[in-house]
Amino acid sequence: MAERGVTDIFTRHPASVGESYTEHFGVAIRYSGRMFAAGFCALVHAFLPFLFEKTASGIVRRMVADMDRRTGTPAAAPQIVPAE
C-alpha cells in the first residue's frame, strides 16, 4: 500500500491535467527553460535597457497563450490592489 501512495504523489497532478508523469515532466522542463530565458533577458535589460526591450514580456505572453491553448481556459486577469 505504501508503494501505491508514493506513486500517487508523483502522478496525481499530471493526471489531473490529462498527462502522464513523463509528459508533464517534459512540459514543465520546457516552461522552466522559457522562464530562465525570460529572467535572463529581464536581468540584462535592467542594466542595459537598450537590449531585450520586449523579449522577456514576449516570452511570458507566448507561455500564457500556450497554457491557455493547452487548458482550454484563459488565464485569470491579475487582481490589482490600489495603493493606500
Protein backbone atom coordinates (compact mmCIF):
# COMPACT_ATOMS: atom_id res chain seq x y z
CA MET A 1 0.00 0.00 0.00
CA ALA A 2 2.86 2.39 0.81
CA GLU A 3 4.26 1.89 -2.70
CA ARG A 4 0.95 2.97 -4.23
CA GLY A 5 0.95 6.12 -2.09
CA VAL A 6 4.41 7.10 -3.32
CA THR A 7 3.37 6.57 -6.93
CA ASP A 8 0.23 8.62 -6.35
CA ILE A 9 2.11 11.71 -5.19
CA PHE A 10 4.02 11.72 -8.49
CA THR A 11 1.04 11.05 -10.77
CA ARG A 12 -1.95 12.78 -9.15
CA HIS A 13 -1.33 16.29 -10.53
CA PRO A 14 -0.19 15.20 -14.02
CA ALA A 15 -3.32 13.03 -14.29
CA SER A 16 -5.49 15.99 -13.23
CA VAL A 17 -4.30 17.89 -16.32
CA GLY A 18 -4.59 14.88 -18.63
CA GLU A 19 -0.90 13.97 -18.79
CA SER A 20 1.34 11.12 -17.76
CA TYR A 21 4.21 11.83 -15.41
CA THR A 22 6.65 11.80 -18.35
CA GLU A 23 4.53 14.14 -20.47
CA HIS A 24 4.12 16.54 -17.55
CA PHE A 25 7.86 16.41 -16.84
CA GLY A 26 8.62 17.46 -20.43
CA VAL A 27 6.12 20.31 -20.38
CA ALA A 28 7.39 21.56 -17.01
CA ILE A 29 11.02 21.41 -18.15
CA ARG A 30 10.20 23.41 -21.29
CA TYR A 31 8.36 26.06 -19.25
CA SER A 32 11.29 26.17 -16.84
CA GLY A 33 13.71 26.83 -19.70
CA ARG A 34 11.49 29.61 -21.04
CA MET A 35 11.25 31.19 -17.59
CA PHE A 36 15.02 31.11 -17.16
CA ALA A 37 15.43 32.71 -20.60
CA ALA A 38 12.88 35.42 -19.78
CA GLY A 39 14.54 36.08 -16.41
CA PHE A 40 17.99 36.33 -18.02
CA CYS A 41 16.70 38.77 -20.64
CA ALA A 42 14.96 40.86 -17.98
CA LEU A 43 18.14 40.94 -15.88
CA VAL A 44 20.27 42.08 -18.81
CA HIS A 45 17.58 44.62 -19.76
CA ALA A 46 17.68 46.07 -16.22
CA PHE A 47 21.35 47.02 -16.70
CA LEU A 48 21.30 47.65 -20.45
CA PRO A 49 17.80 48.91 -21.28
CA PHE A 50 18.54 49.10 -25.00
CA LEU A 51 18.84 45.29 -25.09
CA PHE A 52 15.95 42.81 -24.92
CA GLU A 53 13.40 45.63 -24.85
CA LYS A 54 10.41 43.33 -25.35
CA THR A 55 11.96 39.87 -25.19
CA ALA A 56 11.03 38.85 -21.63
CA SER A 57 7.44 40.07 -21.92
CA GLY A 58 7.11 38.36 -25.30
CA ILE A 59 8.30 35.06 -23.83
CA VAL A 60 5.79 35.37 -20.98
CA ARG A 61 2.94 36.25 -23.35
CA ARG A 62 3.71 33.22 -25.54
CA MET A 63 3.84 30.99 -22.45
CA VAL A 64 0.44 32.24 -21.25
CA ALA A 65 -1.05 31.74 -24.73
CA ASP A 66 0.38 28.21 -24.81
CA MET A 67 -1.03 27.42 -21.36
CA ASP A 68 -4.42 28.83 -22.34
CA ARG A 69 -4.42 26.71 -25.51
CA ARG A 70 -3.43 23.57 -23.61
CA THR A 71 -6.05 24.00 -20.87
CA GLY A 72 -8.80 25.50 -23.00
CA THR A 73 -9.35 28.30 -20.49
CA PRO A 74 -7.78 31.75 -20.47
CA ALA A 75 -5.66 32.77 -17.52
CA ALA A 76 -7.45 34.89 -14.94
CA ALA A 77 -6.72 38.59 -15.05
CA PRO A 78 -4.48 39.71 -12.19
CA GLN A 79 -6.20 41.45 -9.31
CA ILE A 80 -4.80 44.93 -8.85
CA VAL A 81 -5.00 46.24 -5.31
CA PRO A 82 -4.90 50.04 -5.09
CA ALA A 83 -2.07 51.53 -3.06
CA GLU A 84 -3.01 53.16 0.20
